[in-house]
Every structure is written in structure tokens, then in C-alpha cells.
Amino acid sequence: MTVLASIRKNAREELRVSRDEYKGHDMINLRVFYDAGDEMRPGKQGIAFKAELLPELLNALRRAQEAQPESREDAA
């Protein structure tokens, strides 16, 4: 696994970005790793996708960065 970035999520978790080949496909993997005491281990949270989708995902992330958050107040 080639780790390209590790981003601290909180005191016990980090998001790792990697790029690897899997069954002949160029893949991007975004995975949450957690502190297991003696080492960081991969958790269930994450996503893997073909690298050819990366430009589309980057455009979506740019739009998310520029967007204002929607209010999620309960209408009780």
C-alpha cells in the first residue's frame, strides 16, 4: 500500500489516502485507521474507487468546499 497522505481525524483516528493496483485496476483508497494501542489499524469506514473517477471526485470536493452548509434544525 502506497500511503500518499495521512490526515488526523481526531485523537484516535486518521484518514489515509493511498493509491494501489487491485486485480488489474488502478485504485484510490480513502480509509479511516484507528489507534489499536501498538499500531494503527484499518477500520470499516472508507471507500475505494477506480482512479479514473478521481477528476470527478475532485470537482465535487471543490464544490463542497465552496458551498455553504445547509441548516439541519428539527422542525418539531
PDB file of N, CA and C in Angstrom:
ATOM      1  N   MET A   1       0.845  -1.177   0.000  1.00  0.00           N
ATOM      2  CA  MET A   1       0.000   0.000   0.000  1.00  0.00           C
ATOM      3  C   MET A   1       0.891   1.242   0.000  1.00  0.00           C
ATOM      4  N   THR A   2       0.648   2.148  -0.930  1.00  0.00           N
ATOM      5  CA  THR A   2       1.390   3.390  -1.016  1.00  0.00           C
ATOM      6  C   THR A   2       0.559   4.505  -0.388  1.00  0.00           C
ATOM      7  N   VAL A   3       0.891   4.905   0.837  1.00  0.00           N
ATOM      8  CA  VAL A   3       0.151   5.959   1.535  1.00  0.00           C
ATOM      9  C   VAL A   3       0.635   7.302   1.016  1.00  0.00           C
ATOM     10  N   LEU A   4      -0.300   8.075   0.462  1.00  0.00           N
ATOM     11  CA  LEU A   4       0.013   9.393  -0.090  1.00  0.00           C
ATOM     12  C   LEU A   4      -0.193  10.506   0.922  1.00  0.00           C
ATOM     13  N   ALA A   5      -1.124  10.292   1.866  1.00  0.00           N
ATOM     14  CA  ALA A   5      -1.399  11.294   2.890  1.00  0.00           C
ATOM     15  C   ALA A   5      -2.059  10.641   4.088  1.00  0.00           C
ATOM     16  N   SER A   6      -1.791  11.200   5.257  1.00  0.00           N
ATOM     17  CA  SER A   6      -2.470  10.823   6.496  1.00  0.00           C
ATOM     18  C   SER A   6      -3.002  12.104   7.106  1.00  0.00           C
ATOM     19  N   ILE A   7      -4.304  12.139   7.339  1.00  0.00           N
ATOM     20  CA  ILE A   7      -4.961  13.333   7.860  1.00  0.00           C
ATOM     21  C   ILE A   7      -5.572  12.978   9.210  1.00  0.00           C
ATOM     22  N   ARG A   8      -5.153  13.670  10.257  1.00  0.00           N
ATOM     23  CA  ARG A   8      -5.639  13.399  11.605  1.00  0.00           C
ATOM     24  C   ARG A   8      -7.123  13.742  11.667  1.00  0.00           C
ATOM     25  N   LYS A   9      -7.956  12.770  12.028  1.00  0.00           N
ATOM     26  CA  LYS A   9      -9.405  12.962  12.154  1.00  0.00           C
ATOM     27  C   LYS A   9      -9.743  13.390  13.574  1.00  0.00           C
ATOM     28  N   ASN A  10      -9.166  12.724  14.554  1.00  0.00           N
ATOM     29  CA  ASN A  10      -9.330  13.059  15.976  1.00  0.00           C
ATOM     30  C   ASN A  10      -8.172  12.423  16.733  1.00  0.00           C
ATOM     31  N   ALA A  11      -8.257  12.362  18.045  1.00  0.00           N
ATOM     32  CA  ALA A  11      -7.132  11.864  18.848  1.00  0.00           C
ATOM     33  C   ALA A  11      -6.821  10.389  18.589  1.00  0.00           C
ATOM     34  N   ARG A  12      -7.797   9.605  18.122  1.00  0.00           N
ATOM     35  CA  ARG A  12      -7.605   8.175  17.952  1.00  0.00           C
ATOM     36  C   ARG A  12      -7.657   7.687  16.509  1.00  0.00           C
ATOM     37  N   GLU A  13      -8.033   8.571  15.564  1.00  0.00           N
ATOM     38  CA  GLU A  13      -8.225   8.124  14.188  1.00  0.00           C
ATOM     39  C   GLU A  13      -7.542   9.050  13.193  1.00  0.00           C
ATOM     40  N   GLU A  14      -7.197   8.471  12.040  1.00  0.00           N
ATOM     41  CA  GLU A  14      -6.663   9.255  10.939  1.00  0.00           C
ATOM     42  C   GLU A  14      -7.229   8.725   9.622  1.00  0.00           C
ATOM     43  N   LEU A  15      -7.342   9.602   8.655  1.00  0.00           N
ATOM     44  CA  LEU A  15      -7.793   9.235   7.315  1.00  0.00           C
ATOM     45  C   LEU A  15      -6.551   9.075   6.453  1.00  0.00           C
ATOM     46  N   ARG A  16      -6.417   7.909   5.839  1.00  0.00           N
ATOM     47  CA  ARG A  16      -5.271   7.659   4.966  1.00  0.00           C
ATOM     48  C   ARG A  16      -5.731   7.586   3.519  1.00  0.00           C
ATOM     49  N   VAL A  17      -4.952   8.236   2.662  1.00  0.00           N
ATOM     50  CA  VAL A  17      -5.205   8.227   1.226  1.00  0.00           C
ATOM     51  C   VAL A  17      -4.095   7.407   0.590  1.00  0.00           C
ATOM     52  N   SER A  18      -4.482   6.410  -0.204  1.00  0.00           N
ATOM     53  CA  SER A  18      -3.482   5.578  -0.871  1.00  0.00           C
ATOM     54  C   SER A  18      -3.909   5.289  -2.304  1.00  0.00           C
ATOM     55  N   ARG A  19      -2.937   4.876  -3.094  1.00  0.00           N
ATOM     56  CA  ARG A  19      -3.193   4.509  -4.491  1.00  0.00           C
ATOM     57  C   ARG A  19      -2.462   3.200  -4.757  1.00  0.00           C
ATOM     58  N   ASP A  20      -3.214   2.212  -5.222  1.00  0.00           N
ATOM     59  CA  ASP A  20      -2.659   0.882  -5.438  1.00  0.00           C
ATOM     60  C   ASP A  20      -3.322   0.236  -6.645  1.00  0.00           C
ATOM     61  N   GLU A  21      -2.764  -0.890  -7.052  1.00  0.00           N
ATOM     62  CA  GLU A  21      -3.387  -1.696  -8.089  1.00  0.00           C
ATOM     63  C   GLU A  21      -4.092  -2.856  -7.404  1.00  0.00           C
ATOM     64  N   TYR A  22      -5.336  -3.111  -7.798  1.00  0.00           N
ATOM     65  CA  TYR A  22      -6.106  -4.218  -7.244  1.00  0.00           C
ATOM     66  C   TYR A  22      -6.783  -4.963  -8.386  1.00  0.00           C
ATOM     67  N   LYS A  23      -6.424  -6.212  -8.558  1.00  0.00           N
ATOM     68  CA  LYS A  23      -6.966  -7.057  -9.626  1.00  0.00           C
ATOM     69  C   LYS A  23      -6.883  -6.365 -10.987  1.00  0.00           C
ATOM     70  N   GLY A  24      -5.742  -5.722 -11.239  1.00  0.00           N
ATOM     71  CA  GLY A  24      -5.506  -5.070 -12.519  1.00  0.00           C
ATOM     72  C   GLY A  24      -6.099  -3.685 -12.655  1.00  0.00           C
ATOM     73  N   HIS A  25      -6.708  -3.157 -11.599  1.00  0.00           N
ATOM     74  CA  HIS A  25      -7.324  -1.828 -11.639  1.00  0.00           C
ATOM     75  C   HIS A  25      -6.516  -0.841 -10.796  1.00  0.00           C
ATOM     76  N   ASP A  26      -6.339   0.367 -11.315  1.00  0.00           N
ATOM     77  CA  ASP A  26      -5.695   1.462 -10.593  1.00  0.00           C
ATOM     78  C   ASP A  26      -6.729   2.030  -9.624  1.00  0.00           C
ATOM     79  N   MET A  27      -6.489   1.891  -8.311  1.00  0.00           N
ATOM     80  CA  MET A  27      -7.484   2.238  -7.301  1.00  0.00           C
ATOM     81  C   MET A  27      -6.990   3.316  -6.347  1.00  0.00           C
ATOM     82  N   ILE A  28      -7.926   4.157  -5.925  1.00  0.00           N
ATOM     83  CA  ILE A  28      -7.718   5.130  -4.857  1.00  0.00           C
ATOM     84  C   ILE A  28      -8.466   4.601  -3.641  1.00  0.00           C
ATOM     85  N   ASN A  29      -7.839   4.654  -2.478  1.00  0.00           N
ATOM     86  CA  ASN A  29      -8.456   4.162  -1.257  1.00  0.00           C
ATOM     87  C   ASN A  29      -8.414   5.258  -0.204  1.00  0.00           C
ATOM     88  N   LEU A  30      -9.564   5.613   0.344  1.00  0.00           N
ATOM     89  CA  LEU A  30      -9.680   6.540   1.468  1.00  0.00           C
ATOM     90  C   LEU A  30     -10.182   5.709   2.637  1.00  0.00           C
ATOM     91  N   ARG A  31      -9.388   5.562   3.669  1.00  0.00           N
ATOM     92  CA  ARG A  31      -9.736   4.654   4.751  1.00  0.00           C
ATOM     93  C   ARG A  31      -9.427   5.285   6.096  1.00  0.00           C
ATOM     94  N   VAL A  32     -10.322   5.109   7.072  1.00  0.00           N
ATOM     95  CA  VAL A  32     -10.090   5.560   8.441  1.00  0.00           C
ATOM     96  C   VAL A  32      -9.307   4.472   9.163  1.00  0.00           C
ATOM     97  N   PHE A  33      -8.191   4.858   9.760  1.00  0.00           N
ATOM     98  CA  PHE A  33      -7.383   3.961  10.586  1.00  0.00           C
ATOM     99  C   PHE A  33      -7.555   4.389  12.038  1.00  0.00           C
ATOM    100  N   TYR A  34      -7.548   3.415  12.951  1.00  0.00           N
ATOM    101  CA  TYR A  34      -7.715   3.720  14.366  1.00  0.00           C
ATOM    102  C   TYR A  34      -6.510   3.231  15.161  1.00  0.00           C
ATOM    103  N   ASP A  35      -6.291   3.860  16.298  1.00  0.00           N
ATOM    104  CA  ASP A  35      -5.173   3.511  17.169  1.00  0.00           C
ATOM    105  C   ASP A  35      -5.540   2.254  17.952  1.00  0.00           C
ATOM    106  N   ALA A  36      -4.835   1.167  17.681  1.00  0.00           N
ATOM    107  CA  ALA A  36      -5.081  -0.104  18.362  1.00  0.00           C
ATOM    108  C   ALA A  36      -4.084  -0.309  19.508  1.00  0.00           C
ATOM    109  N   GLY A  37      -3.510   0.757  20.003  1.00  0.00           N
ATOM    110  CA  GLY A  37      -2.549   0.683  21.106  1.00  0.00           C
ATOM    111  C   GLY A  37      -1.126   0.639  20.618  1.00  0.00           C
ATOM    112  N   ASP A  38      -0.744  -0.444  19.948  1.00  0.00           N
ATOM    113  CA  ASP A  38       0.628  -0.591  19.490  1.00  0.00           C
ATOM    114  C   ASP A  38       0.804  -0.230  18.020  1.00  0.00           C
ATOM    115  N   GLU A  39      -0.324  -0.074  17.285  1.00  0.00           N
ATOM    116  CA  GLU A  39      -0.234   0.269  15.864  1.00  0.00           C
ATOM    117  C   GLU A  39      -1.559   0.845  15.382  1.00  0.00           C
ATOM    118  N   MET A  40      -1.513   1.482  14.226  1.00  0.00           N
ATOM    119  CA  MET A  40      -2.731   1.973  13.582  1.00  0.00           C
ATOM    120  C   MET A  40      -3.274   0.856  12.701  1.00  0.00           C
ATOM    121  N   ARG A  41      -4.573   0.576  12.828  1.00  0.00           N
ATOM    122  CA  ARG A  41      -5.201  -0.491  12.047  1.00  0.00           C
ATOM    123  C   ARG A  41      -6.355   0.067  11.220  1.00  0.00           C
ATOM    124  N   PRO A  42      -6.613  -0.534  10.052  1.00  0.00           N
ATOM    125  CA  PRO A  42      -7.714  -0.055   9.216  1.00  0.00           C
ATOM    126  C   PRO A  42      -9.067  -0.382   9.836  1.00  0.00           C
ATOM    127  N   GLY A  43      -9.971   0.582   9.772  1.00  0.00           N
ATOM    128  CA  GLY A  43     -11.330   0.360  10.249  1.00  0.00           C
ATOM    129  C   GLY A  43     -12.246   0.029   9.084  1.00  0.00           C
ATOM    130  N   LYS A  44     -13.529  -0.089   9.374  1.00  0.00           N
ATOM    131  CA  LYS A  44     -14.524  -0.403   8.345  1.00  0.00           C
ATOM    132  C   LYS A  44     -14.887   0.824   7.514  1.00  0.00           C
ATOM    133  N   GLN A  45     -14.687   2.017   8.073  1.00  0.00           N
ATOM    134  CA  GLN A  45     -15.066   3.238   7.372  1.00  0.00           C
ATOM    135  C   GLN A  45     -14.077   3.545   6.265  1.00  0.00           C
ATOM    136  N   GLY A  46     -14.602   3.784   5.073  1.00  0.00           N
ATOM    137  CA  GLY A  46     -13.741   4.149   3.968  1.00  0.00           C
ATOM    138  C   GLY A  46     -14.383   3.828   2.637  1.00  0.00           C
ATOM    139  N   ILE A  47     -13.659   4.155   1.595  1.00  0.00           N
ATOM    140  CA  ILE A  47     -14.144   3.918   0.239  1.00  0.00           C
ATOM    141  C   ILE A  47     -12.948   3.668  -0.666  1.00  0.00           C
ATOM    142  N   ALA A  48     -13.143   2.784  -1.635  1.00  0.00           N
ATOM    143  CA  ALA A  48     -12.144   2.534  -2.676  1.00  0.00           C
ATOM    144  C   ALA A  48     -12.842   2.712  -4.018  1.00  0.00           C
ATOM    145  N   PHE A  49     -12.161   3.361  -4.965  1.00  0.00           N
ATOM    146  CA  PHE A  49     -12.759   3.604  -6.279  1.00  0.00           C
ATOM    147  C   PHE A  49     -11.668   3.650  -7.333  1.00  0.00           C
ATOM    148  N   LYS A  50     -12.078   3.420  -8.586  1.00  0.00           N
ATOM    149  CA  LYS A  50     -11.121   3.453  -9.688  1.00  0.00           C
ATOM    150  C   LYS A  50     -10.553   4.862  -9.839  1.00  0.00           C
ATOM    151  N   ALA A  51      -9.257   4.943 -10.092  1.00  0.00           N
ATOM    152  CA  ALA A  51      -8.572   6.233 -10.211  1.00  0.00           C
ATOM    153  C   ALA A  51      -9.143   7.091 -11.341  1.00  0.00           C
ATOM    154  N   GLU A  52      -9.755   6.474 -12.343  1.00  0.00           N
ATOM    155  CA  GLU A  52     -10.335   7.249 -13.449  1.00  0.00           C
ATOM    156  C   GLU A  52     -11.475   8.154 -12.974  1.00  0.00           C
ATOM    157  N   LEU A  53     -12.033   7.885 -11.792  1.00  0.00           N
ATOM    158  CA  LEU A  53     -13.097   8.724 -11.234  1.00  0.00           C
ATOM    159  C   LEU A  53     -12.559   9.895 -10.416  1.00  0.00           C
ATOM    160  N   LEU A  54     -11.248   9.937 -10.204  1.00  0.00           N
ATOM    161  CA  LEU A  54     -10.646  10.964  -9.359  1.00  0.00           C
ATOM    162  C   LEU A  54     -10.940  12.393  -9.815  1.00  0.00           C
ATOM    163  N   PRO A  55     -10.842  12.743 -11.105  1.00  0.00           N
ATOM    164  CA  PRO A  55     -11.153  14.120 -11.502  1.00  0.00           C
ATOM    165  C   PRO A  55     -12.588  14.531 -11.148  1.00  0.00           C
ATOM    166  N   GLU A  56     -13.522  13.621 -11.314  1.00  0.00           N
ATOM    167  CA  GLU A  56     -14.920  13.921 -10.978  1.00  0.00           C
ATOM    168  C   GLU A  56     -15.093  14.121  -9.470  1.00  0.00           C
ATOM    169  N   LEU A  57     -14.423  13.285  -8.677  1.00  0.00           N
ATOM    170  CA  LEU A  57     -14.490  13.426  -7.223  1.00  0.00           C
ATOM    171  C   LEU A  57     -13.845  14.730  -6.773  1.00  0.00           C
ATOM    172  N   LEU A  58     -12.701  15.096  -7.361  1.00  0.00           N
ATOM    173  CA  LEU A  58     -12.036  16.351  -7.003  1.00  0.00           C
ATOM    174  C   LEU A  58     -12.927  17.554  -7.308  1.00  0.00           C
ATOM    175  N   ASN A  59     -13.631  17.525  -8.430  1.00  0.00           N
ATOM    176  CA  ASN A  59     -14.564  18.612  -8.752  1.00  0.00           C
ATOM    177  C   ASN A  59     -15.677  18.684  -7.722  1.00  0.00           C
ATOM    178  N   ALA A  60     -16.195  17.543  -7.310  1.00  0.00           N
ATOM    179  CA  ALA A  60     -17.255  17.523  -6.295  1.00  0.00           C
ATOM    180  C   ALA A  60     -16.741  18.063  -4.962  1.00  0.00           C
ATOM    181  N   LEU A  61     -15.509  17.720  -4.592  1.00  0.00           N
ATOM    182  CA  LEU A  61     -14.936  18.221  -3.345  1.00  0.00           C
ATOM    183  C   LEU A  61     -14.695  19.725  -3.400  1.00  0.00           C
ATOM    184  N   ARG A  62     -14.306  20.236  -4.565  1.00  0.00           N
ATOM    185  CA  ARG A  62     -14.157  21.695  -4.709  1.00  0.00           C
ATOM    186  C   ARG A  62     -15.496  22.397  -4.514  1.00  0.00           C
ATOM    187  N   ARG A  63     -16.556  21.831  -5.107  1.00  0.00           N
ATOM    188  CA  ARG A  63     -17.891  22.412  -4.933  1.00  0.00           C
ATOM    189  C   ARG A  63     -18.315  22.351  -3.469  1.00  0.00           C
ATOM    190  N   ALA A  64     -18.006  21.258  -2.790  1.00  0.00           N
ATOM    191  CA  ALA A  64     -18.335  21.124  -1.374  1.00  0.00           C
ATOM    192  C   ALA A  64     -17.582  22.149  -0.537  1.00  0.00           C
ATOM    193  N   GLN A  65     -16.347  22.430  -0.912  1.00  0.00           N
ATOM    194  CA  GLN A  65     -15.550  23.419  -0.180  1.00  0.00           C
ATOM    195  C   GLN A  65     -16.146  24.812  -0.327  1.00  0.00           C
ATOM    196  N   GLU A  66     -16.680  25.122  -1.484  1.00  0.00           N
ATOM    197  CA  GLU A  66     -17.242  26.446  -1.753  1.00  0.00           C
ATOM    198  C   GLU A  66     -18.675  26.606  -1.264  1.00  0.00           C
ATOM    199  N   ALA A  67     -19.374  25.505  -1.070  1.00  0.00           N
ATOM    200  CA  ALA A  67     -20.787  25.557  -0.681  1.00  0.00           C
ATOM    201  C   ALA A  67     -20.944  25.939   0.785  1.00  0.00           C
ATOM    202  N   GLN A  68     -22.081  26.518   1.087  1.00  0.00           N
ATOM    203  CA  GLN A  68     -22.437  26.836   2.464  1.00  0.00           C
ATOM    204  C   GLN A  68     -23.173  25.629   3.052  1.00  0.00           C
ATOM    205  N   PRO A  69     -22.943  25.320   4.318  1.00  0.00           N
ATOM    206  CA  PRO A  69     -23.655  24.184   4.907  1.00  0.00           C
ATOM    207  C   PRO A  69     -25.139  24.470   5.023  1.00  0.00           C
ATOM    208  N   GLU A  70     -25.944  23.413   4.819  1.00  0.00           N
ATOM    209  CA  GLU A  70     -27.383  23.543   4.965  1.00  0.00           C
ATOM    210  C   GLU A  70     -27.741  23.388   6.429  1.00  0.00           C
ATOM    211  N   SER A  71     -28.764  24.122   6.861  1.00  0.00           N
ATOM    212  CA  SER A  71     -29.252  24.013   8.225  1.00  0.00           C
ATOM    213  C   SER A  71     -30.001  22.713   8.398  1.00  0.00           C
ATOM    214  N   ARG A  72     -29.731  22.007   9.470  1.00  0.00           N
ATOM    215  CA  ARG A  72     -30.392  20.712   9.718  1.00  0.00           C
ATOM    216  C   ARG A  72     -31.189  20.763  11.030  1.00  0.00           C
ATOM    217  N   GLU A  73     -31.822  21.878  11.307  1.00  0.00           N
ATOM    218  CA  GLU A  73     -32.608  22.025  12.520  1.00  0.00           C
ATOM    219  C   GLU A  73     -33.889  21.214  12.419  1.00  0.00           C
ATOM    220  N   ASP A  74     -34.262  20.595  13.522  1.00  0.00           N
ATOM    221  CA  ASP A  74     -35.524  19.843  13.552  1.00  0.00           C
ATOM    222  C   ASP A  74     -36.695  20.808  13.554  1.00  0.00           C
ATOM    223  N   ALA A  75     -37.723  20.487  12.792  1.00  0.00           N
ATOM    224  CA  ALA A  75     -38.919  21.325  12.723  1.00  0.00           C
ATOM    225  C   ALA A  75     -40.002  20.745  13.631  1.00  0.00           C
ATOM    226  N   ALA A  76     -39.655  20.569  14.909  1.00  0.00           N
ATOM    227  CA  ALA A  76     -40.579  19.934  15.862  1.00  0.00           C
ATOM    228  C   ALA A  76     -41.624  20.876  16.372  1.00  0.00           C
TER     229      ALA A  76
END
